[in-house]
Amino acid sequence: MTSAAVQAKALTPEAAEIDREEKMVFKEGKEDLKDRLKRFVLMSKGKVLPLKIIKGMAWMTIESNGEKVLSTMQRNAMENGVYFGGTLEGIEFPLFPSKGLRLRRKIESWLNEFQKLPYVSPYEDFSHLDPDSDFAEKRVVGILHELLSLFVEHSAERKKLLCLKKYFGLPQKVHKAFERHPHMFYLSFKNKTCTAILKEAHCGNSSIERHPLLVVRKKYKAGKGI
């Protein structure tokens, strides 16, 4: 008996339906998956990532073919009429303050100025930036925003994100960005695991689309029919 047959025999009708639904989501979302993977690689310094990052391939290299790749931030800003496709345009990050969380006046003033800085796309060359400047920090925050936007659950274990530092040209203390921008990122500490969550994706008026695979995963977690 094959493993597939054993699996089919072990599943209840409800669980089998969830399994079929998941396979259909993967089938229909194949192009979306390829696009997310392409963006992931194009953000890296050399447009190449090793096996331990992209499983299943020894090395993966992607050329943009001169095509301008827009980040989630740029696409949403363009849809809202506040970005017109130029370079060094100022795009403000969506902020979602937590209840009871108030920034000190000095930090709040700095954040207001930070938001007005030109947006540096994760897909553009950043070699000219002073690594200690606010411009460079805006790029770092932009990369973290884009990475979490690409993940289905818009979250990831912080230690796994930190492993990407050298591939994405991130600073040694990139973890500080999560702490300095609590209106954008939320750190969850559950089961001794620190997870970085993109707040924008979990708010009611979010412009980041909810991935259909999330619905299937919730059904699995709820244990329906299993």
N, C-alpha and C. Protein backbone atom coordinates (compact mmCIF):
# COMPACT_ATOMS: atom_id res chain seq x y z
N MET A 1 0.85 -1.20 0.00
CA MET A 1 0.00 0.00 0.00
C MET A 1 0.88 1.24 0.00
N THR A 2 0.59 2.20 -0.87
CA THR A 2 1.40 3.41 -0.95
C THR A 2 1.12 4.33 0.22
N SER A 3 2.07 5.27 0.46
CA SER A 3 1.89 6.23 1.56
C SER A 3 0.67 7.09 1.32
N ALA A 4 0.39 7.40 0.03
CA ALA A 4 -0.78 8.22 -0.29
C ALA A 4 -2.06 7.48 0.06
N ALA A 5 -2.04 6.14 -0.20
CA ALA A 5 -3.22 5.33 0.11
C ALA A 5 -3.43 5.25 1.61
N VAL A 6 -2.32 5.10 2.35
CA VAL A 6 -2.40 5.05 3.81
C VAL A 6 -2.96 6.36 4.35
N GLN A 7 -2.48 7.48 3.78
CA GLN A 7 -2.94 8.79 4.23
C GLN A 7 -4.43 8.95 3.95
N ALA A 8 -4.85 8.55 2.74
CA ALA A 8 -6.25 8.69 2.37
C ALA A 8 -7.14 7.84 3.27
N LYS A 9 -6.65 6.65 3.64
CA LYS A 9 -7.42 5.75 4.49
C LYS A 9 -7.50 6.30 5.91
N ALA A 10 -6.46 7.00 6.35
CA ALA A 10 -6.41 7.50 7.72
C ALA A 10 -7.26 8.76 7.92
N LEU A 11 -7.50 9.52 6.86
CA LEU A 11 -8.23 10.78 6.98
C LEU A 11 -9.74 10.57 7.00
N THR A 12 -10.41 11.36 7.81
CA THR A 12 -11.87 11.37 7.80
C THR A 12 -12.32 12.14 6.56
N PRO A 13 -13.58 12.04 6.17
CA PRO A 13 -14.06 12.80 5.00
C PRO A 13 -13.81 14.30 5.15
N GLU A 14 -14.00 14.83 6.36
CA GLU A 14 -13.79 16.26 6.58
C GLU A 14 -12.32 16.64 6.40
N ALA A 15 -11.44 15.80 6.97
CA ALA A 15 -10.01 16.06 6.86
C ALA A 15 -9.53 15.91 5.42
N ALA A 16 -10.11 14.94 4.71
CA ALA A 16 -9.74 14.73 3.31
C ALA A 16 -10.15 15.94 2.46
N GLU A 17 -11.28 16.55 2.83
CA GLU A 17 -11.75 17.73 2.11
C GLU A 17 -10.79 18.90 2.32
N ILE A 18 -10.31 19.05 3.56
CA ILE A 18 -9.34 20.10 3.85
C ILE A 18 -8.05 19.86 3.07
N ASP A 19 -7.65 18.59 2.98
CA ASP A 19 -6.44 18.23 2.24
C ASP A 19 -6.60 18.58 0.76
N ARG A 20 -7.78 18.30 0.20
CA ARG A 20 -8.05 18.63 -1.21
C ARG A 20 -8.04 20.15 -1.41
N GLU A 21 -8.62 20.85 -0.45
CA GLU A 21 -8.66 22.31 -0.53
C GLU A 21 -7.26 22.90 -0.53
N GLU A 22 -6.39 22.33 0.32
CA GLU A 22 -5.02 22.82 0.39
C GLU A 22 -4.30 22.59 -0.94
N LYS A 23 -4.48 21.41 -1.53
CA LYS A 23 -3.83 21.10 -2.80
C LYS A 23 -4.32 22.03 -3.91
N MET A 24 -5.61 22.37 -3.86
CA MET A 24 -6.17 23.27 -4.86
C MET A 24 -5.59 24.67 -4.73
N VAL A 25 -5.41 25.12 -3.48
CA VAL A 25 -4.82 26.44 -3.24
C VAL A 25 -3.40 26.49 -3.81
N PHE A 26 -2.63 25.41 -3.58
CA PHE A 26 -1.26 25.36 -4.11
C PHE A 26 -1.27 25.36 -5.64
N LYS A 27 -2.21 24.62 -6.22
CA LYS A 27 -2.29 24.53 -7.68
C LYS A 27 -2.65 25.88 -8.30
N GLU A 28 -3.66 26.53 -7.73
CA GLU A 28 -4.12 27.80 -8.27
C GLU A 28 -3.14 28.94 -7.96
N GLY A 29 -2.36 28.77 -6.90
CA GLY A 29 -1.44 29.84 -6.52
C GLY A 29 -0.01 29.62 -6.96
N LYS A 30 0.19 28.75 -7.96
CA LYS A 30 1.55 28.42 -8.41
C LYS A 30 2.30 29.66 -8.91
N GLU A 31 1.62 30.50 -9.70
CA GLU A 31 2.28 31.70 -10.23
C GLU A 31 2.59 32.69 -9.11
N ASP A 32 1.68 32.79 -8.15
CA ASP A 32 1.91 33.68 -7.01
C ASP A 32 3.11 33.22 -6.21
N LEU A 33 3.22 31.90 -6.03
CA LEU A 33 4.35 31.34 -5.30
C LEU A 33 5.67 31.63 -6.02
N LYS A 34 5.66 31.49 -7.35
CA LYS A 34 6.86 31.77 -8.14
C LYS A 34 7.24 33.24 -8.02
N ASP A 35 6.24 34.12 -8.02
CA ASP A 35 6.50 35.55 -7.90
C ASP A 35 7.10 35.89 -6.54
N ARG A 36 6.57 35.28 -5.48
CA ARG A 36 7.10 35.52 -4.13
C ARG A 36 8.54 35.04 -4.02
N LEU A 37 8.81 33.87 -4.61
CA LEU A 37 10.17 33.32 -4.57
C LEU A 37 11.13 34.22 -5.35
N LYS A 38 10.66 34.70 -6.50
CA LYS A 38 11.48 35.60 -7.33
C LYS A 38 11.83 36.87 -6.55
N ARG A 39 10.85 37.44 -5.88
CA ARG A 39 11.08 38.66 -5.10
C ARG A 39 12.06 38.40 -3.97
N PHE A 40 11.91 37.25 -3.34
CA PHE A 40 12.78 36.87 -2.23
C PHE A 40 14.24 36.87 -2.68
N VAL A 41 14.49 36.27 -3.85
CA VAL A 41 15.86 36.18 -4.37
C VAL A 41 16.36 37.54 -4.86
N LEU A 42 15.49 38.31 -5.50
CA LEU A 42 15.90 39.61 -6.04
C LEU A 42 16.26 40.62 -4.95
N MET A 43 15.83 40.37 -3.72
CA MET A 43 16.19 41.26 -2.62
C MET A 43 17.61 41.02 -2.13
N SER A 44 18.15 39.85 -2.43
CA SER A 44 19.49 39.51 -1.94
C SER A 44 20.55 40.32 -2.67
N LYS A 45 21.72 40.45 -2.06
CA LYS A 45 22.79 41.30 -2.61
C LYS A 45 23.23 40.88 -4.00
N GLY A 46 23.47 39.59 -4.20
CA GLY A 46 23.97 39.14 -5.49
C GLY A 46 22.90 38.49 -6.34
N LYS A 47 21.63 38.66 -5.95
CA LYS A 47 20.50 38.01 -6.64
C LYS A 47 20.70 36.50 -6.67
N VAL A 48 21.30 35.98 -5.61
CA VAL A 48 21.56 34.54 -5.52
C VAL A 48 21.49 34.11 -4.06
N LEU A 49 20.87 32.95 -3.83
CA LEU A 49 20.73 32.43 -2.47
C LEU A 49 21.12 30.96 -2.43
N PRO A 50 21.74 30.49 -1.35
CA PRO A 50 22.20 29.10 -1.24
C PRO A 50 21.10 28.12 -0.84
N LEU A 51 21.46 26.86 -0.89
CA LEU A 51 20.53 25.77 -0.60
C LEU A 51 19.86 25.90 0.75
N LYS A 52 20.59 26.30 1.78
CA LYS A 52 20.01 26.35 3.12
C LYS A 52 18.93 27.42 3.24
N ILE A 53 18.91 28.37 2.30
CA ILE A 53 17.87 29.38 2.29
C ILE A 53 16.73 28.96 1.36
N ILE A 54 17.07 28.55 0.16
CA ILE A 54 16.07 28.08 -0.81
C ILE A 54 16.25 26.58 -0.97
N LYS A 55 15.49 25.81 -0.24
CA LYS A 55 15.64 24.36 -0.26
C LYS A 55 15.23 23.80 -1.63
N GLY A 56 15.96 22.79 -2.05
CA GLY A 56 15.63 22.14 -3.30
C GLY A 56 16.52 22.56 -4.46
N MET A 57 17.33 23.60 -4.25
CA MET A 57 18.23 24.06 -5.31
C MET A 57 19.58 24.37 -4.69
N ALA A 58 20.65 23.97 -5.36
CA ALA A 58 21.98 24.23 -4.81
C ALA A 58 22.21 25.73 -4.69
N TRP A 59 21.94 26.43 -5.78
CA TRP A 59 21.99 27.90 -5.77
C TRP A 59 20.91 28.37 -6.71
N MET A 60 20.27 29.46 -6.37
CA MET A 60 19.23 29.99 -7.25
C MET A 60 19.57 31.42 -7.61
N THR A 61 19.68 31.69 -8.89
CA THR A 61 19.98 33.03 -9.37
C THR A 61 18.84 33.51 -10.26
N ILE A 62 18.45 34.76 -10.09
CA ILE A 62 17.37 35.32 -10.89
C ILE A 62 17.79 36.69 -11.42
N GLU A 63 17.55 36.91 -12.69
CA GLU A 63 17.82 38.21 -13.29
C GLU A 63 16.49 38.97 -13.42
N SER A 64 16.53 40.25 -13.16
CA SER A 64 15.31 41.05 -13.27
C SER A 64 15.02 41.45 -14.72
N ASN A 65 16.00 41.21 -15.63
CA ASN A 65 15.85 41.54 -17.05
C ASN A 65 15.50 43.01 -17.27
N GLY A 66 16.02 43.87 -16.40
CA GLY A 66 15.77 45.30 -16.56
C GLY A 66 14.40 45.74 -16.09
N GLU A 67 13.57 44.79 -15.75
CA GLU A 67 12.21 45.11 -15.30
C GLU A 67 12.25 45.66 -13.87
N LYS A 68 11.55 46.75 -13.64
CA LYS A 68 11.52 47.34 -12.31
C LYS A 68 10.57 46.53 -11.43
N VAL A 69 11.09 46.05 -10.32
CA VAL A 69 10.28 45.27 -9.39
C VAL A 69 9.79 46.19 -8.29
N LEU A 70 8.48 46.28 -8.13
CA LEU A 70 7.90 47.13 -7.10
C LEU A 70 7.66 46.34 -5.83
N SER A 71 7.98 46.93 -4.71
CA SER A 71 7.72 46.28 -3.42
C SER A 71 6.25 46.41 -3.07
N THR A 72 5.82 45.70 -2.04
CA THR A 72 4.44 45.80 -1.57
C THR A 72 4.12 47.23 -1.17
N MET A 73 5.07 47.89 -0.51
CA MET A 73 4.89 49.29 -0.12
C MET A 73 4.66 50.18 -1.33
N GLN A 74 5.45 50.01 -2.38
CA GLN A 74 5.34 50.85 -3.57
C GLN A 74 4.02 50.59 -4.30
N ARG A 75 3.64 49.33 -4.42
CA ARG A 75 2.39 49.01 -5.12
C ARG A 75 1.18 49.58 -4.39
N ASN A 76 1.17 49.44 -3.07
CA ASN A 76 0.05 49.97 -2.29
C ASN A 76 0.01 51.50 -2.35
N ALA A 77 1.20 52.12 -2.28
CA ALA A 77 1.26 53.59 -2.35
C ALA A 77 0.81 54.09 -3.72
N MET A 78 1.14 53.32 -4.77
CA MET A 78 0.73 53.69 -6.12
C MET A 78 -0.79 53.60 -6.26
N GLU A 79 -1.37 52.55 -5.69
CA GLU A 79 -2.82 52.38 -5.73
C GLU A 79 -3.53 53.51 -4.98
N ASN A 80 -2.87 54.02 -3.94
CA ASN A 80 -3.46 55.10 -3.14
C ASN A 80 -3.12 56.49 -3.68
N GLY A 81 -2.38 56.52 -4.80
CA GLY A 81 -2.08 57.79 -5.44
C GLY A 81 -1.03 58.63 -4.74
N VAL A 82 -0.18 58.00 -3.93
CA VAL A 82 0.86 58.77 -3.22
C VAL A 82 2.27 58.38 -3.69
N TYR A 83 2.34 57.55 -4.72
CA TYR A 83 3.64 57.17 -5.30
C TYR A 83 3.47 57.07 -6.80
N PHE A 84 4.44 57.61 -7.55
CA PHE A 84 4.29 57.70 -9.00
C PHE A 84 5.40 57.00 -9.77
N GLY A 85 6.11 56.10 -9.10
CA GLY A 85 7.09 55.28 -9.79
C GLY A 85 8.48 55.86 -9.90
N GLY A 86 8.72 57.01 -9.31
CA GLY A 86 10.04 57.62 -9.38
C GLY A 86 10.97 57.11 -8.31
N THR A 87 12.23 57.50 -8.40
CA THR A 87 13.20 57.11 -7.37
C THR A 87 13.26 58.19 -6.29
N LEU A 88 13.60 57.77 -5.11
CA LEU A 88 13.74 58.67 -3.97
C LEU A 88 12.46 59.45 -3.64
N GLU A 89 11.33 58.83 -3.93
CA GLU A 89 10.06 59.43 -3.50
C GLU A 89 9.82 59.06 -2.04
N GLY A 90 9.20 59.95 -1.33
CA GLY A 90 8.92 59.67 0.08
C GLY A 90 7.66 58.84 0.24
N ILE A 91 7.80 57.66 0.80
CA ILE A 91 6.64 56.81 1.10
C ILE A 91 6.66 56.54 2.60
N GLU A 92 5.56 56.81 3.25
CA GLU A 92 5.49 56.59 4.69
C GLU A 92 5.00 55.18 4.99
N PHE A 93 5.61 54.55 5.97
CA PHE A 93 5.18 53.22 6.39
C PHE A 93 3.86 53.34 7.16
N PRO A 94 2.92 52.43 6.92
CA PRO A 94 1.68 52.42 7.70
C PRO A 94 2.01 52.09 9.16
N LEU A 95 1.51 52.88 10.07
CA LEU A 95 1.79 52.68 11.50
C LEU A 95 0.52 52.24 12.23
N PHE A 96 0.69 51.31 13.16
CA PHE A 96 -0.43 50.79 13.93
C PHE A 96 -0.05 50.72 15.40
N PRO A 97 -0.21 51.85 16.10
CA PRO A 97 0.15 51.91 17.52
C PRO A 97 -0.68 50.94 18.36
N SER A 98 -0.04 50.28 19.29
CA SER A 98 -0.74 49.38 20.21
C SER A 98 -1.38 50.21 21.32
N LYS A 99 -2.48 49.74 21.84
CA LYS A 99 -3.14 50.44 22.93
C LYS A 99 -2.21 50.49 24.14
N GLY A 100 -2.10 51.67 24.70
CA GLY A 100 -1.27 51.82 25.89
C GLY A 100 0.19 52.06 25.59
N LEU A 101 0.57 51.96 24.30
CA LEU A 101 1.98 52.17 23.93
C LEU A 101 2.16 53.60 23.43
N ARG A 102 2.92 54.38 24.16
CA ARG A 102 3.20 55.76 23.76
C ARG A 102 4.71 55.96 23.65
N LEU A 103 5.10 56.53 22.53
CA LEU A 103 6.52 56.80 22.33
C LEU A 103 6.90 58.09 23.04
N ARG A 104 8.15 58.15 23.49
CA ARG A 104 8.63 59.39 24.09
C ARG A 104 8.64 60.49 23.03
N ARG A 105 8.44 61.72 23.48
CA ARG A 105 8.31 62.84 22.55
C ARG A 105 9.49 62.93 21.59
N LYS A 106 10.69 62.70 22.10
CA LYS A 106 11.89 62.78 21.27
C LYS A 106 11.86 61.72 20.18
N ILE A 107 11.44 60.50 20.54
CA ILE A 107 11.38 59.41 19.57
C ILE A 107 10.26 59.66 18.56
N GLU A 108 9.15 60.17 19.05
CA GLU A 108 8.02 60.46 18.16
C GLU A 108 8.39 61.52 17.13
N SER A 109 9.16 62.52 17.57
CA SER A 109 9.61 63.57 16.66
C SER A 109 10.56 62.99 15.61
N TRP A 110 11.46 62.09 16.06
CA TRP A 110 12.39 61.44 15.12
C TRP A 110 11.62 60.60 14.12
N LEU A 111 10.59 59.88 14.59
CA LEU A 111 9.81 59.01 13.71
C LEU A 111 9.09 59.82 12.63
N ASN A 112 8.59 60.99 12.99
CA ASN A 112 7.91 61.85 12.02
C ASN A 112 8.86 62.25 10.89
N GLU A 113 10.10 62.56 11.25
CA GLU A 113 11.10 62.92 10.24
C GLU A 113 11.53 61.69 9.45
N PHE A 114 11.64 60.57 10.12
CA PHE A 114 12.02 59.30 9.48
C PHE A 114 11.01 58.94 8.39
N GLN A 115 9.74 59.13 8.67
CA GLN A 115 8.68 58.80 7.71
C GLN A 115 8.78 59.64 6.44
N LYS A 116 9.29 60.85 6.56
CA LYS A 116 9.37 61.76 5.41
C LYS A 116 10.55 61.46 4.50
N LEU A 117 11.48 60.64 4.97
CA LEU A 117 12.66 60.32 4.17
C LEU A 117 12.28 59.56 2.91
N PRO A 118 13.08 59.68 1.83
CA PRO A 118 12.82 58.91 0.62
C PRO A 118 12.81 57.41 0.92
N TYR A 119 11.91 56.71 0.27
CA TYR A 119 11.81 55.26 0.45
C TYR A 119 12.84 54.57 -0.44
N VAL A 120 13.61 53.68 0.14
CA VAL A 120 14.62 52.92 -0.60
C VAL A 120 14.10 51.51 -0.81
N SER A 121 13.78 51.17 -2.04
CA SER A 121 13.21 49.86 -2.33
C SER A 121 14.19 48.73 -2.00
N PRO A 122 13.70 47.61 -1.48
CA PRO A 122 14.57 46.46 -1.19
C PRO A 122 15.20 45.88 -2.45
N TYR A 123 14.66 46.25 -3.62
CA TYR A 123 15.15 45.69 -4.88
C TYR A 123 16.15 46.62 -5.58
N GLU A 124 16.46 47.75 -4.96
CA GLU A 124 17.38 48.71 -5.56
C GLU A 124 18.76 48.63 -4.92
N ASP A 125 19.76 49.11 -5.65
CA ASP A 125 21.13 49.14 -5.13
C ASP A 125 21.20 50.09 -3.93
N PHE A 126 21.86 49.63 -2.87
CA PHE A 126 21.93 50.43 -1.65
C PHE A 126 23.38 50.74 -1.26
N SER A 127 24.32 50.41 -2.13
CA SER A 127 25.74 50.53 -1.80
C SER A 127 26.17 51.97 -1.51
N HIS A 128 25.41 52.95 -2.00
CA HIS A 128 25.78 54.35 -1.81
C HIS A 128 25.33 54.90 -0.46
N LEU A 129 24.55 54.13 0.28
CA LEU A 129 23.99 54.62 1.54
C LEU A 129 25.00 54.52 2.69
N ASP A 130 25.03 55.53 3.52
CA ASP A 130 25.83 55.49 4.74
C ASP A 130 25.15 54.53 5.70
N PRO A 131 25.82 53.43 6.08
CA PRO A 131 25.18 52.41 6.92
C PRO A 131 24.69 52.92 8.27
N ASP A 132 25.21 54.06 8.71
CA ASP A 132 24.81 54.62 10.00
C ASP A 132 23.74 55.71 9.87
N SER A 133 23.24 55.89 8.67
CA SER A 133 22.27 56.97 8.44
C SER A 133 20.83 56.48 8.60
N ASP A 134 19.92 57.44 8.75
CA ASP A 134 18.49 57.11 8.82
C ASP A 134 17.99 56.59 7.48
N PHE A 135 18.64 57.02 6.39
CA PHE A 135 18.29 56.49 5.06
C PHE A 135 18.50 54.97 5.04
N ALA A 136 19.64 54.53 5.57
CA ALA A 136 19.96 53.11 5.60
C ALA A 136 18.97 52.36 6.49
N GLU A 137 18.57 52.99 7.58
CA GLU A 137 17.60 52.34 8.47
C GLU A 137 16.25 52.20 7.78
N LYS A 138 15.89 53.20 6.98
CA LYS A 138 14.61 53.10 6.27
C LYS A 138 14.64 51.95 5.28
N ARG A 139 15.82 51.72 4.68
CA ARG A 139 15.95 50.57 3.78
C ARG A 139 15.81 49.26 4.55
N VAL A 140 16.44 49.18 5.73
CA VAL A 140 16.37 47.97 6.56
C VAL A 140 14.92 47.68 6.94
N VAL A 141 14.22 48.71 7.39
CA VAL A 141 12.81 48.54 7.76
C VAL A 141 12.00 48.12 6.54
N GLY A 142 12.35 48.68 5.37
CA GLY A 142 11.65 48.33 4.13
C GLY A 142 11.86 46.87 3.76
N ILE A 143 13.06 46.36 3.98
CA ILE A 143 13.34 44.95 3.68
C ILE A 143 12.56 44.04 4.62
N LEU A 144 12.55 44.37 5.90
CA LEU A 144 11.80 43.56 6.87
C LEU A 144 10.31 43.57 6.55
N HIS A 145 9.81 44.73 6.15
CA HIS A 145 8.40 44.86 5.77
C HIS A 145 8.10 43.99 4.56
N GLU A 146 8.99 44.03 3.56
CA GLU A 146 8.77 43.26 2.34
C GLU A 146 8.89 41.76 2.60
N LEU A 147 9.87 41.36 3.39
CA LEU A 147 10.04 39.94 3.71
C LEU A 147 8.79 39.38 4.38
N LEU A 148 8.31 40.08 5.41
CA LEU A 148 7.13 39.61 6.14
C LEU A 148 5.88 39.67 5.26
N SER A 149 5.86 40.59 4.30
CA SER A 149 4.73 40.67 3.37
C SER A 149 4.68 39.45 2.46
N LEU A 150 5.86 38.90 2.14
CA LEU A 150 5.93 37.75 1.24
C LEU A 150 5.53 36.44 1.91
N PHE A 151 5.72 36.36 3.22
CA PHE A 151 5.38 35.13 3.93
C PHE A 151 3.86 35.01 4.08
N VAL A 152 3.36 33.79 3.95
CA VAL A 152 1.92 33.55 4.00
C VAL A 152 1.28 34.10 5.27
N GLU A 153 1.91 33.88 6.40
CA GLU A 153 1.34 34.33 7.67
C GLU A 153 1.84 35.71 8.08
N HIS A 154 2.64 36.34 7.21
CA HIS A 154 3.18 37.69 7.48
C HIS A 154 3.90 37.75 8.83
N SER A 155 4.56 36.67 9.14
CA SER A 155 5.34 36.57 10.37
C SER A 155 6.43 35.54 10.17
N ALA A 156 7.44 35.58 11.04
CA ALA A 156 8.54 34.62 10.95
C ALA A 156 9.31 34.62 12.25
N GLU A 157 9.95 33.50 12.56
CA GLU A 157 10.79 33.46 13.75
C GLU A 157 11.92 34.47 13.57
N ARG A 158 12.14 35.27 14.59
CA ARG A 158 13.15 36.32 14.48
C ARG A 158 14.53 35.75 14.18
N LYS A 159 14.89 34.62 14.80
CA LYS A 159 16.23 34.06 14.58
C LYS A 159 16.43 33.63 13.13
N LYS A 160 15.34 33.21 12.46
CA LYS A 160 15.45 32.82 11.06
C LYS A 160 15.65 34.05 10.17
N LEU A 161 15.00 35.15 10.54
CA LEU A 161 15.20 36.39 9.78
C LEU A 161 16.62 36.89 9.95
N LEU A 162 17.16 36.73 11.16
CA LEU A 162 18.52 37.20 11.43
C LEU A 162 19.55 36.41 10.64
N CYS A 163 19.21 35.17 10.26
CA CYS A 163 20.13 34.35 9.46
C CYS A 163 20.29 34.89 8.04
N LEU A 164 19.40 35.80 7.65
CA LEU A 164 19.44 36.34 6.29
C LEU A 164 20.34 37.57 6.17
N LYS A 165 20.92 38.00 7.28
CA LYS A 165 21.68 39.26 7.31
C LYS A 165 22.68 39.41 6.17
N LYS A 166 23.57 38.45 6.04
CA LYS A 166 24.64 38.62 5.05
C LYS A 166 24.14 38.52 3.62
N TYR A 167 23.03 37.81 3.41
CA TYR A 167 22.50 37.65 2.05
C TYR A 167 21.73 38.89 1.59
N PHE A 168 21.15 39.62 2.54
CA PHE A 168 20.34 40.78 2.19
C PHE A 168 21.01 42.11 2.57
N GLY A 169 22.28 42.04 2.95
CA GLY A 169 23.00 43.26 3.27
C GLY A 169 22.45 43.98 4.48
N LEU A 170 21.99 43.22 5.46
CA LEU A 170 21.42 43.81 6.67
C LEU A 170 22.50 44.02 7.72
N PRO A 171 22.38 45.04 8.55
CA PRO A 171 23.40 45.32 9.57
C PRO A 171 23.44 44.27 10.66
N GLN A 172 24.52 44.24 11.40
CA GLN A 172 24.71 43.26 12.46
C GLN A 172 23.60 43.33 13.51
N LYS A 173 23.17 44.55 13.81
CA LYS A 173 22.15 44.74 14.84
C LYS A 173 20.77 44.99 14.23
N VAL A 174 20.45 44.22 13.18
CA VAL A 174 19.17 44.40 12.51
C VAL A 174 17.99 44.14 13.45
N HIS A 175 18.21 43.31 14.48
CA HIS A 175 17.12 43.00 15.41
C HIS A 175 16.62 44.25 16.13
N LYS A 176 17.46 45.28 16.20
CA LYS A 176 17.07 46.52 16.87
C LYS A 176 15.93 47.22 16.12
N ALA A 177 15.81 46.94 14.82
CA ALA A 177 14.77 47.59 14.02
C ALA A 177 13.38 47.21 14.52
N PHE A 178 13.23 45.96 14.97
CA PHE A 178 11.93 45.53 15.49
C PHE A 178 11.58 46.31 16.76
N GLU A 179 12.60 46.58 17.56
CA GLU A 179 12.38 47.28 18.83
C GLU A 179 12.17 48.78 18.61
N ARG A 180 12.83 49.34 17.60
CA ARG A 180 12.73 50.78 17.34
C ARG A 180 11.45 51.15 16.59
N HIS A 181 10.78 50.17 16.03
CA HIS A 181 9.57 50.45 15.25
C HIS A 181 8.39 49.58 15.72
N PRO A 182 7.97 49.78 16.98
CA PRO A 182 6.87 48.97 17.54
C PRO A 182 5.52 49.26 16.91
N HIS A 183 5.39 50.37 16.16
CA HIS A 183 4.13 50.67 15.48
C HIS A 183 4.00 49.88 14.18
N MET A 184 5.11 49.24 13.76
CA MET A 184 5.09 48.44 12.53
C MET A 184 5.20 46.95 12.80
N PHE A 185 6.02 46.61 13.79
CA PHE A 185 6.29 45.20 14.09
C PHE A 185 5.89 44.86 15.52
N TYR A 186 5.45 43.63 15.67
CA TYR A 186 5.11 43.13 17.01
C TYR A 186 5.94 41.88 17.26
N LEU A 187 6.55 41.80 18.42
CA LEU A 187 7.33 40.61 18.77
C LEU A 187 6.53 39.76 19.74
N SER A 188 6.28 38.53 19.34
CA SER A 188 5.53 37.59 20.18
C SER A 188 6.50 36.59 20.80
N PHE A 189 6.37 36.38 22.10
CA PHE A 189 7.23 35.42 22.79
C PHE A 189 6.37 34.28 23.31
N LYS A 190 6.24 33.24 22.51
CA LYS A 190 5.44 32.08 22.90
C LYS A 190 6.27 30.82 22.77
N ASN A 191 6.12 29.94 23.73
CA ASN A 191 6.85 28.67 23.72
C ASN A 191 8.35 28.88 23.52
N LYS A 192 8.87 29.92 24.19
CA LYS A 192 10.30 30.24 24.14
C LYS A 192 10.79 30.57 22.73
N THR A 193 9.85 31.00 21.88
CA THR A 193 10.20 31.37 20.51
C THR A 193 9.79 32.81 20.26
N CYS A 194 10.71 33.60 19.72
CA CYS A 194 10.40 35.00 19.40
C CYS A 194 9.99 35.09 17.93
N THR A 195 8.77 35.54 17.71
CA THR A 195 8.24 35.66 16.35
C THR A 195 7.99 37.12 16.01
N ALA A 196 8.50 37.54 14.86
CA ALA A 196 8.28 38.91 14.39
C ALA A 196 7.03 38.93 13.52
N ILE A 197 6.11 39.84 13.82
CA ILE A 197 4.83 39.91 13.12
C ILE A 197 4.66 41.29 12.50
N LEU A 198 4.22 41.32 11.25
CA LEU A 198 3.94 42.58 10.58
C LEU A 198 2.54 43.04 10.97
N LYS A 199 2.45 44.10 11.72
CA LYS A 199 1.16 44.57 12.24
C LYS A 199 0.17 44.90 11.12
N GLU A 200 0.67 45.51 10.07
CA GLU A 200 -0.19 45.96 8.98
C GLU A 200 -1.08 44.85 8.43
N ALA A 201 -0.52 43.64 8.35
CA ALA A 201 -1.25 42.52 7.76
C ALA A 201 -2.36 42.00 8.66
N HIS A 202 -2.36 42.38 9.91
CA HIS A 202 -3.34 41.85 10.86
C HIS A 202 -4.31 42.91 11.36
N CYS A 203 -4.38 44.02 10.64
CA CYS A 203 -5.32 45.08 11.01
C CYS A 203 -6.48 45.09 10.02
N GLY A 204 -7.62 45.54 10.49
CA GLY A 204 -8.85 45.49 9.69
C GLY A 204 -8.77 46.16 8.33
N ASN A 205 -8.11 47.30 8.26
CA ASN A 205 -8.03 48.06 7.01
C ASN A 205 -6.73 47.79 6.25
N SER A 206 -6.19 46.61 6.45
CA SER A 206 -4.90 46.28 5.84
C SER A 206 -5.00 46.26 4.32
N SER A 207 -3.97 46.80 3.66
CA SER A 207 -3.91 46.76 2.20
C SER A 207 -3.13 45.54 1.72
N ILE A 208 -2.68 44.72 2.67
CA ILE A 208 -1.97 43.49 2.33
C ILE A 208 -2.99 42.35 2.28
N GLU A 209 -3.06 41.69 1.14
CA GLU A 209 -4.08 40.66 0.95
C GLU A 209 -3.84 39.45 1.85
N ARG A 210 -4.94 38.90 2.33
CA ARG A 210 -4.90 37.70 3.15
C ARG A 210 -4.73 36.50 2.21
N HIS A 211 -3.74 35.68 2.46
CA HIS A 211 -3.46 34.54 1.59
C HIS A 211 -4.48 33.43 1.85
N PRO A 212 -5.06 32.84 0.77
CA PRO A 212 -6.07 31.78 0.94
C PRO A 212 -5.56 30.56 1.71
N LEU A 213 -4.25 30.35 1.70
CA LEU A 213 -3.69 29.21 2.41
C LEU A 213 -3.88 29.36 3.93
N LEU A 214 -4.01 30.60 4.38
CA LEU A 214 -4.22 30.84 5.81
C LEU A 214 -5.52 30.22 6.29
N VAL A 215 -6.55 30.28 5.44
CA VAL A 215 -7.86 29.71 5.79
C VAL A 215 -7.73 28.21 6.00
N VAL A 216 -6.99 27.57 5.10
CA VAL A 216 -6.78 26.12 5.19
C VAL A 216 -5.99 25.78 6.45
N ARG A 217 -4.95 26.55 6.72
CA ARG A 217 -4.12 26.28 7.90
C ARG A 217 -4.92 26.42 9.19
N LYS A 218 -5.84 27.38 9.20
CA LYS A 218 -6.66 27.57 10.40
C LYS A 218 -7.56 26.36 10.63
N LYS A 219 -8.04 25.78 9.54
CA LYS A 219 -8.89 24.59 9.65
C LYS A 219 -8.09 23.42 10.21
N TYR A 220 -6.84 23.30 9.75
CA TYR A 220 -5.98 22.24 10.27
C TYR A 220 -5.74 22.44 11.77
N LYS A 221 -5.42 23.69 12.13
CA LYS A 221 -5.12 23.98 13.53
C LYS A 221 -6.33 23.77 14.43
N ALA A 222 -7.49 24.06 13.88
CA ALA A 222 -8.72 23.88 14.67
C ALA A 222 -9.05 22.41 14.83
N GLY A 223 -8.41 21.56 14.02
CA GLY A 223 -8.63 20.12 14.13
C GLY A 223 -9.97 19.67 13.62
N LYS A 224 -10.55 20.42 12.67
CA LYS A 224 -11.87 20.06 12.15
C LYS A 224 -11.80 18.74 11.38
N GLY A 225 -12.61 17.81 11.80
CA GLY A 225 -12.72 16.54 11.10
C GLY A 225 -11.57 15.60 11.30
N ILE A 226 -10.60 15.97 12.18
CA ILE A 226 -9.43 15.10 12.37
C ILE A 226 -9.57 14.31 13.66
